Amino acid sequence: MELKRTKLFALCLAIMMLLASVALAGPDEQQWALDNGLNLDESMEDLYAASLANEGGTVVVYTISSRTAKIAAAFMEEYPGMNVEVYDISSGTLKEKFLTEYEAGIRTVDIVHSKEQVGEYTFEVFGEDLLHNYQPASIFGNVDPSYLALTPLMLELNLWFYNTEVYDESPISSWWDLTTEEWRGRVVFQDAASNDAYCAPLTAMVQHADEMAADYEAVFGTPIVLDNDEPTAAHAFIKRFLANDPIMAKGSDEVIEMVGAAGQENPPVGYSSSVKLRGQSDGFLINYGPEKMGVANGIPALNFLGIANEAQHPSGAKLFIKYWMGGEDGKGAGYDPLVSLGSWSVRPESNSAEGNILLSDIPLWDIDFNYIYENIEDIRDYWIVHRQ
C-alpha cells in the first residue's frame, strides 16, 4: 500500500510540474511545440523521411557526454543522409552557453543533453519553455512517472564506496555511522558549499528528516535529542557529521583514490558518483553496497534530453532522441554506449550493465525538484555555518 501511495504521489507531482511548465510558458513557445508535433508519437520512419525532406537531415546536439559522438556515428550509419553535429560541453558551462545564445536570438542547437539534480533546468529553462520535453508513449510509456518531470535519458547516483582489500562488504549501513568515533577522520566527502551534487541529497535528507530520526533510534537505541541549533534530525546529522572531521576531496576521482588505494590498514569510505565504479579497471580496490543503507542513499542525478524552442530541425531531433533511448523496443543500438556500471536506464525494457545492482534494490528518495530548488540555499548556509 505504501508503494502504491508513493507511485501515486510521484505521478501527481509529475502532472503538477507539467501543468506549472505550461502555465509559465508564453503562448508562442507553447504553439511552437504543438506546431512541431512534440506532443505526437510519429514513427521513426516518418520522422526520418520528414527530416530528410524538410530539414536537410541535420541535427545539432549539445551534450555533457563524450559517448554521444559514438551514438551519433551509429545513428548516421543506420540512417543514411542524416548528419548529427555533436558539441561536447562541460556541465558547468552548457546551461550558460545555451541561455546566452537563446537570449541573443541564436537558434543553432536542437537537442540539449545535461544533468539535473537541483531544479535549475526544471524551473529556469523548461519552466520558461526554452527547452521542451518530448515524451512519446512508445518510448516512455513504461518509465516511472517520478522521473518524467524532464525527459529522462538515464540515472546516475552518488553512493558510499569502500575498500575491498579490507572489507568484504560495506562497513556502513547508516548515515549515522559516519558521526561515530570509529569513522572520525575516515570519511571522504566533497564540500557541499560549492558542489550541488552533494548539497542536493542533504537537502532531500532534510525533506525526509523523519526517516533520519527513525534511523537514528534504530542505530543508537534511543530517540534523537536535538540541540537548539538542530531544527531537524537531518540538520543534526549535517552538524555532527561535520564535527567528525570528514576529509573534503576536490572531486570524485580523488574520493576514489583515497578510498581505493591498496595497502591501507584503516581506509576511509567515500561518497562519490556511481559511475566511478569503473575505477576498478584502473586498479582501485573499490565497491559499493547501497542495499545495506537503512534509509536512502540519496537522490538520483537525472540525465535529461530537451528539444530547444524554435529548433531548426525538430523532426531530426525527435528521431535522434528515439534512437538515443534505444528505439521503440528499448533494445536498439543507440543506447548501447550508455550501458555501463554505475548508470541505469529509466526504461525497464533496456539493457543494464552486467554486475549492476538492480535500481529497484537501491533505497533512494524520490526526486522533488520543487523542494530542492526552494530549500537548497538554506541547507548550504547551514553547512557553511557548521563546517570546520
Protein backbone atom coordinates (compact mmCIF):
# COMPACT_ATOMS: atom_id res chain seq x y z
CA MET A 1 0.00 0.00 0.00
CA GLU A 2 2.84 2.40 0.85
CA LEU A 3 4.47 1.70 -2.52
CA LYS A 4 1.20 2.46 -4.30
CA ARG A 5 0.86 5.76 -2.41
CA THR A 6 4.44 6.66 -3.34
CA LYS A 7 3.83 5.96 -7.03
CA LEU A 8 0.56 7.91 -6.96
CA PHE A 9 2.31 10.86 -5.34
CA ALA A 10 5.07 10.71 -7.96
CA LEU A 11 2.53 10.69 -10.78
CA CYS A 12 0.66 13.63 -9.28
CA LEU A 13 3.94 15.52 -8.86
CA ALA A 14 4.87 14.95 -12.49
CA ILE A 15 1.45 16.17 -13.66
CA MET A 16 1.65 19.26 -11.42
CA MET A 17 5.09 20.15 -12.75
CA LEU A 18 3.90 19.71 -16.33
CA LEU A 19 0.95 22.00 -15.67
CA ALA A 20 3.24 24.52 -14.00
CA SER A 21 5.51 24.44 -17.03
CA VAL A 22 2.59 25.16 -19.34
CA ALA A 23 1.41 28.00 -17.11
CA LEU A 24 4.85 29.62 -17.13
CA ALA A 25 5.36 29.29 -20.86
CA GLY A 26 4.40 32.01 -23.24
CA PRO A 27 1.77 31.25 -25.90
CA ASP A 28 4.32 31.47 -28.72
CA GLU A 29 6.55 28.82 -27.15
CA GLN A 30 3.58 26.55 -26.45
CA GLN A 31 2.33 26.94 -30.01
CA TRP A 32 5.76 26.18 -31.48
CA ALA A 33 5.88 22.89 -29.55
CA LEU A 34 2.41 21.94 -30.76
CA ASP A 35 3.05 23.05 -34.34
CA ASN A 36 6.14 20.83 -34.45
CA GLY A 37 4.48 17.76 -33.02
CA LEU A 38 6.27 17.45 -29.69
CA ASN A 39 3.01 16.08 -28.32
CA LEU A 40 2.78 13.41 -31.05
CA ASP A 41 4.26 9.92 -31.36
CA GLU A 42 5.21 9.60 -35.01
CA SER A 43 7.01 6.50 -36.25
CA MET A 44 10.78 6.66 -36.63
CA GLU A 45 10.35 6.02 -40.37
CA ASP A 46 8.06 9.03 -40.74
CA LEU A 47 10.43 11.24 -38.73
CA TYR A 48 13.36 10.08 -40.88
CA ALA A 49 11.51 10.97 -44.07
CA ALA A 50 10.41 14.36 -42.71
CA SER A 51 13.92 15.21 -41.56
CA LEU A 52 15.45 14.45 -44.96
CA ALA A 53 12.69 16.20 -46.88
CA ASN A 54 12.28 19.33 -44.79
CA GLU A 55 15.42 19.81 -42.67
CA GLY A 56 18.32 18.51 -44.74
CA GLY A 57 18.77 15.59 -42.34
CA THR A 58 20.63 17.75 -39.83
CA VAL A 59 20.59 17.51 -36.02
CA VAL A 60 22.70 19.66 -33.67
CA VAL A 61 23.35 18.38 -30.15
CA TYR A 62 24.90 20.00 -27.09
CA THR A 63 25.93 17.23 -24.68
CA ILE A 64 27.85 16.66 -21.45
CA SER A 65 28.96 13.16 -22.53
CA SER A 66 31.78 12.17 -24.86
CA ARG A 67 29.82 9.00 -25.62
CA THR A 68 27.24 11.00 -27.58
CA ALA A 69 29.64 11.15 -30.53
CA LYS A 70 29.63 7.33 -30.70
CA ILE A 71 25.84 7.31 -30.64
CA ALA A 72 25.74 9.89 -33.42
CA ALA A 73 28.14 7.85 -35.57
CA ALA A 74 26.00 4.71 -35.21
CA PHE A 75 22.85 6.75 -35.93
CA MET A 76 24.27 8.20 -39.15
CA GLU A 77 25.26 4.73 -40.32
CA GLU A 78 21.76 3.40 -39.68
CA TYR A 79 20.05 6.46 -41.20
CA PRO A 80 21.93 7.41 -44.39
CA GLY A 81 21.73 11.06 -45.26
CA MET A 82 21.43 12.20 -41.65
CA ASN A 83 24.15 14.46 -40.24
CA VAL A 84 24.45 14.86 -36.46
CA GLU A 85 26.72 17.63 -35.19
CA VAL A 86 27.80 16.90 -31.61
CA TYR A 87 29.31 19.52 -29.30
CA ASP A 88 30.75 18.09 -26.07
CA ILE A 89 30.40 20.84 -23.44
CA SER A 90 31.09 20.69 -19.70
CA SER A 91 28.04 20.56 -17.45
CA GLY A 92 29.26 23.69 -15.69
CA THR A 93 29.06 25.82 -18.82
CA LEU A 94 26.39 24.20 -21.01
CA LYS A 95 23.40 25.91 -19.42
CA GLU A 96 25.03 29.35 -19.59
CA LYS A 97 26.04 28.79 -23.23
CA PHE A 98 22.53 27.74 -24.20
CA LEU A 99 20.83 30.65 -22.41
CA THR A 100 23.30 33.21 -23.74
CA GLU A 101 22.76 32.03 -27.32
CA TYR A 102 19.00 31.84 -26.90
CA GLU A 103 18.74 35.36 -25.50
CA ALA A 104 20.85 36.59 -28.44
CA GLY A 105 18.39 35.05 -30.88
CA ILE A 106 20.74 32.24 -31.94
CA ARG A 107 18.85 29.05 -32.76
CA THR A 108 21.69 26.65 -33.55
CA VAL A 109 21.11 23.75 -31.17
CA ASP A 110 18.28 21.23 -31.49
CA ILE A 111 18.87 18.91 -28.50
CA VAL A 112 20.38 19.68 -25.12
CA HIS A 113 21.67 16.78 -23.01
CA SER A 114 22.68 17.67 -19.46
CA LYS A 115 22.14 16.63 -15.84
CA GLU A 116 19.53 17.88 -13.37
CA GLN A 117 19.71 17.50 -9.61
CA VAL A 118 18.73 20.81 -8.04
CA GLY A 119 15.82 22.08 -10.18
CA GLU A 120 17.62 24.83 -12.11
CA TYR A 121 16.83 23.41 -15.55
CA THR A 122 13.35 22.38 -14.42
CA PHE A 123 12.22 25.84 -13.39
CA GLU A 124 14.56 28.26 -15.17
CA VAL A 125 14.75 26.61 -18.59
CA PHE A 126 11.98 24.05 -19.09
CA GLY A 127 9.64 26.09 -16.91
CA GLU A 128 10.08 29.02 -19.28
CA ASP A 129 9.73 26.69 -22.29
CA LEU A 130 13.18 27.48 -23.62
CA LEU A 131 13.61 23.71 -23.69
CA HIS A 132 10.72 21.33 -24.32
CA ASN A 133 10.06 17.81 -23.13
CA TYR A 134 9.47 15.15 -25.76
CA GLN A 135 8.00 12.01 -24.21
CA PRO A 136 6.26 9.80 -26.80
CA ALA A 137 4.47 6.85 -25.24
CA SER A 138 6.29 4.37 -27.49
CA ILE A 139 9.49 5.28 -25.66
CA PHE A 140 8.43 6.50 -22.22
CA GLY A 141 5.23 4.56 -21.64
CA ASN A 142 6.80 2.26 -19.03
CA VAL A 143 9.02 4.83 -17.30
CA ASP A 144 8.43 5.51 -13.60
CA PRO A 145 6.34 8.73 -13.51
CA SER A 146 8.60 10.19 -10.81
CA TYR A 147 11.32 10.57 -13.47
CA LEU A 148 9.15 12.39 -16.03
CA ALA A 149 9.41 15.96 -14.79
CA LEU A 150 12.02 16.21 -17.56
CA THR A 151 12.65 13.88 -20.50
CA PRO A 152 14.90 11.32 -18.79
CA LEU A 153 17.80 9.58 -20.53
CA MET A 154 19.45 7.69 -17.66
CA LEU A 155 20.18 7.88 -13.95
CA GLU A 156 23.43 8.16 -12.04
CA LEU A 157 23.74 8.08 -8.26
CA ASN A 158 26.07 9.15 -5.51
CA LEU A 159 26.82 6.10 -3.35
CA TRP A 160 29.11 5.14 -0.48
CA PHE A 161 32.28 3.37 -1.67
CA TYR A 162 34.52 1.17 0.47
CA ASN A 163 37.91 -0.54 0.11
CA THR A 164 37.58 -4.19 -0.90
CA GLU A 165 41.09 -5.09 0.26
CA VAL A 166 39.98 -4.51 3.85
CA TYR A 167 36.21 -5.05 3.76
CA ASP A 168 34.23 -7.91 2.24
CA GLU A 169 31.08 -5.78 2.26
CA SER A 170 30.13 -2.20 3.03
CA PRO A 171 31.19 -1.40 6.61
CA ILE A 172 28.43 1.20 7.00
CA SER A 173 24.66 0.77 6.91
CA SER A 174 23.52 4.20 8.07
CA TRP A 175 24.42 7.83 7.57
CA TRP A 176 24.62 8.00 11.35
CA ASP A 177 27.58 5.58 11.34
CA LEU A 178 29.56 8.45 9.86
CA THR A 179 29.09 10.50 13.03
CA THR A 180 30.64 7.87 15.33
CA GLU A 181 34.16 7.83 16.74
CA GLU A 182 35.02 4.78 14.63
CA TRP A 183 34.73 6.90 11.48
CA ARG A 184 36.25 10.12 12.78
CA GLY A 185 38.55 11.45 10.07
CA ARG A 186 37.83 8.41 7.86
CA VAL A 187 35.04 9.67 5.60
CA VAL A 188 35.70 11.32 2.24
CA PHE A 189 33.08 13.79 1.04
CA GLN A 190 33.07 16.94 -1.08
CA ASP A 191 32.26 20.45 0.05
CA ALA A 192 28.50 20.91 -0.23
CA ALA A 193 29.05 24.68 -0.18
CA SER A 194 30.35 24.51 -3.75
CA ASN A 195 29.09 21.17 -5.07
CA ASP A 196 25.37 20.89 -5.80
CA ALA A 197 25.63 17.12 -6.29
CA TYR A 198 26.47 16.90 -2.57
CA CYS A 199 24.18 19.63 -1.30
CA ALA A 200 21.12 18.27 -3.14
CA PRO A 201 20.99 14.91 -1.28
CA LEU A 202 21.47 16.73 2.02
CA THR A 203 18.50 18.91 1.11
CA ALA A 204 16.45 15.80 0.31
CA MET A 205 17.56 14.44 3.67
CA VAL A 206 16.02 17.45 5.40
CA GLN A 207 12.80 16.85 3.49
CA HIS A 208 12.85 13.30 4.91
CA ALA A 209 14.06 14.23 8.37
CA ASP A 210 11.51 11.93 10.00
CA GLU A 211 13.25 8.97 8.36
CA MET A 212 16.59 10.21 9.66
CA ALA A 213 15.14 10.44 13.17
CA ALA A 214 13.80 6.88 12.98
CA ASP A 215 17.14 5.62 11.66
CA TYR A 216 18.99 7.36 14.50
CA GLU A 217 16.89 5.43 17.01
CA ALA A 218 17.47 2.19 15.11
CA VAL A 219 21.24 2.73 15.19
CA PHE A 220 21.70 4.08 18.72
CA GLY A 221 18.70 2.59 20.52
CA THR A 222 17.30 5.88 21.82
CA PRO A 223 15.33 8.73 20.23
CA ILE A 224 17.41 11.61 18.97
CA VAL A 225 17.65 14.68 21.22
CA LEU A 226 18.09 17.80 19.10
CA ASP A 227 20.29 20.72 20.10
CA ASN A 228 18.89 24.24 19.85
CA ASP A 229 20.64 24.79 16.51
CA GLU A 230 19.39 21.50 15.07
CA PRO A 231 15.89 22.11 13.63
CA THR A 232 15.53 18.51 12.45
CA ALA A 233 17.31 15.17 12.67
CA ALA A 234 18.74 15.86 9.21
CA HIS A 235 20.25 19.13 10.39
CA ALA A 236 21.62 17.22 13.37
CA PHE A 237 23.30 14.77 11.00
CA ILE A 238 24.90 17.56 8.99
CA LYS A 239 26.23 19.30 12.09
CA ARG A 240 27.51 16.12 13.77
CA PHE A 241 28.98 14.78 10.53
CA LEU A 242 30.97 17.96 10.03
CA ALA A 243 32.16 17.79 13.65
CA ASN A 244 33.58 14.30 12.96
CA ASP A 245 36.43 15.61 10.77
CA PRO A 246 35.42 14.37 7.31
CA ILE A 247 38.02 14.66 4.55
CA MET A 248 36.98 17.11 1.85
CA ALA A 249 38.07 15.92 -1.60
CA LYS A 250 38.33 18.16 -4.64
CA GLY A 251 36.46 15.77 -6.93
CA SER A 252 35.08 12.28 -7.41
CA ASP A 253 38.36 10.92 -8.74
CA GLU A 254 40.10 12.00 -5.55
CA VAL A 255 37.39 10.32 -3.46
CA ILE A 256 38.02 7.02 -5.26
CA GLU A 257 41.80 7.36 -4.97
CA MET A 258 41.59 7.90 -1.21
CA VAL A 259 39.15 5.06 -0.66
CA GLY A 260 40.51 2.50 -3.10
CA ALA A 261 44.30 2.79 -2.82
CA ALA A 262 45.98 -0.50 -1.91
CA GLY A 263 47.90 -1.14 1.31
CA GLN A 264 45.70 0.78 3.75
CA GLU A 265 45.01 -0.55 7.25
CA ASN A 266 42.06 1.71 8.04
CA PRO A 267 40.83 3.04 4.71
CA PRO A 268 38.07 5.63 4.61
CA VAL A 269 34.68 5.28 2.99
CA GLY A 270 33.74 7.88 0.43
CA TYR A 271 30.63 9.32 -1.23
CA SER A 272 31.08 9.52 -4.98
CA SER A 273 29.37 9.17 -8.33
CA SER A 274 28.28 5.61 -9.05
CA VAL A 275 29.98 5.74 -12.44
CA LYS A 276 33.32 5.77 -10.62
CA LEU A 277 32.91 2.03 -10.09
CA ARG A 278 34.73 1.90 -13.42
CA GLY A 279 37.78 2.76 -11.31
CA GLN A 280 38.07 -0.98 -10.65
CA SER A 281 39.65 -1.26 -14.09
CA ASP A 282 42.21 1.39 -13.06
CA GLY A 283 43.41 -0.74 -10.17
CA PHE A 284 41.42 0.87 -7.35
CA LEU A 285 40.05 -1.61 -4.80
CA ILE A 286 36.51 -0.29 -4.59
CA ASN A 287 32.92 -1.35 -4.43
CA TYR A 288 29.66 -0.04 -3.03
CA GLY A 289 26.82 -1.68 -1.12
CA PRO A 290 23.83 0.63 -1.31
CA GLU A 291 21.29 -2.10 -0.46
CA LYS A 292 22.56 -2.08 3.12
CA MET A 293 21.70 1.54 3.86
CA GLY A 294 18.95 1.91 6.46
CA VAL A 295 17.49 4.92 4.72
CA ALA A 296 18.00 6.26 1.21
CA ASN A 297 21.46 6.59 -0.31
CA GLY A 298 20.41 9.97 -1.68
CA ILE A 299 18.63 11.05 -4.85
CA PRO A 300 19.31 10.22 -8.49
CA ALA A 301 21.11 12.60 -10.80
CA LEU A 302 18.85 12.76 -13.84
CA ASN A 303 20.47 12.88 -17.26
CA PHE A 304 17.84 14.53 -19.45
CA LEU A 305 17.17 15.46 -23.06
CA GLY A 306 15.40 18.62 -24.15
CA ILE A 307 14.42 19.98 -27.55
CA ALA A 308 15.27 23.66 -27.90
CA ASN A 309 12.40 26.06 -28.51
CA GLU A 310 12.35 27.11 -32.16
CA ALA A 311 14.87 24.38 -33.01
CA GLN A 312 15.58 24.33 -36.74
CA HIS A 313 15.41 20.54 -37.05
CA PRO A 314 12.57 19.25 -34.86
CA SER A 315 11.84 16.07 -36.85
CA GLY A 316 15.51 15.09 -36.79
CA ALA A 317 15.68 15.90 -33.07
CA LYS A 318 12.71 13.67 -32.31
CA LEU A 319 14.16 10.85 -34.39
CA PHE A 320 17.55 11.08 -32.70
CA ILE A 321 16.01 11.12 -29.22
CA LYS A 322 14.01 7.98 -30.03
CA TYR A 323 17.19 6.34 -31.33
CA TRP A 324 19.23 7.53 -28.31
CA MET A 325 16.68 5.97 -25.97
CA GLY A 326 17.11 2.57 -27.60
CA GLY A 327 14.31 2.79 -30.15
CA GLU A 328 10.76 1.71 -29.64
CA ASP A 329 11.69 -1.65 -28.09
CA GLY A 330 14.41 -0.19 -25.88
CA LYS A 331 17.00 -2.61 -27.28
CA GLY A 332 18.35 -0.52 -30.15
CA ALA A 333 21.99 0.34 -30.69
CA GLY A 334 21.51 3.98 -29.72
CA TYR A 335 21.54 3.22 -26.01
CA ASP A 336 24.38 0.66 -26.11
CA PRO A 337 27.24 3.14 -25.43
CA LEU A 338 25.45 4.18 -22.22
CA VAL A 339 25.26 0.66 -20.81
CA SER A 340 27.94 0.75 -18.12
CA LEU A 341 28.49 0.08 -14.44
CA GLY A 342 27.02 2.77 -12.24
CA SER A 343 24.40 4.10 -14.64
CA TRP A 344 20.85 2.94 -15.15
CA SER A 345 18.33 3.38 -17.94
CA VAL A 346 14.95 4.75 -16.90
CA ARG A 347 13.35 2.26 -19.32
CA PRO A 348 12.72 -1.14 -17.74
CA GLU A 349 12.97 -2.75 -21.17
CA SER A 350 16.52 -1.51 -21.79
CA ASN A 351 19.65 -3.49 -21.05
CA SER A 352 21.75 -2.88 -17.94
CA ALA A 353 25.46 -3.48 -17.48
CA GLU A 354 26.46 -6.89 -16.16
CA GLY A 355 27.15 -6.54 -12.43
CA ASN A 356 24.89 -3.52 -11.95
CA ILE A 357 22.73 -3.70 -8.86
CA LEU A 358 19.05 -3.56 -9.73
CA LEU A 359 17.87 0.03 -9.40
CA SER A 360 14.79 -1.22 -7.57
CA ASP A 361 17.07 -2.69 -4.86
CA ILE A 362 18.72 0.65 -4.08
CA PRO A 363 16.95 2.77 -1.44
CA LEU A 364 16.52 6.26 -2.88
CA TRP A 365 14.42 9.31 -2.14
CA ASP A 366 12.10 10.43 -4.93
CA ILE A 367 13.31 13.47 -6.83
CA ASP A 368 11.38 16.52 -5.64
CA PHE A 369 12.95 19.33 -7.65
CA ASN A 370 10.48 21.84 -6.25
CA TYR A 371 11.59 21.20 -2.66
CA ILE A 372 15.28 21.14 -3.51
CA TYR A 373 15.12 24.29 -5.64
CA GLU A 374 13.34 26.20 -2.86
CA ASN A 375 15.46 24.95 0.05
CA ILE A 376 18.97 24.12 -1.14
CA GLU A 377 20.43 27.53 -0.30
CA ASP A 378 19.22 27.27 3.31
CA ILE A 379 20.90 23.88 3.64
CA ARG A 380 24.06 25.21 2.02
CA ASP A 381 24.11 28.06 4.55
CA TYR A 382 23.64 25.60 7.43
CA TRP A 383 26.53 23.53 6.10
CA ILE A 384 28.78 26.58 5.86
CA VAL A 385 27.98 27.69 9.40
CA HIS A 386 28.94 24.31 10.84
CA ARG A 387 31.81 23.44 8.50
CA GLN A 388 35.13 23.46 10.31
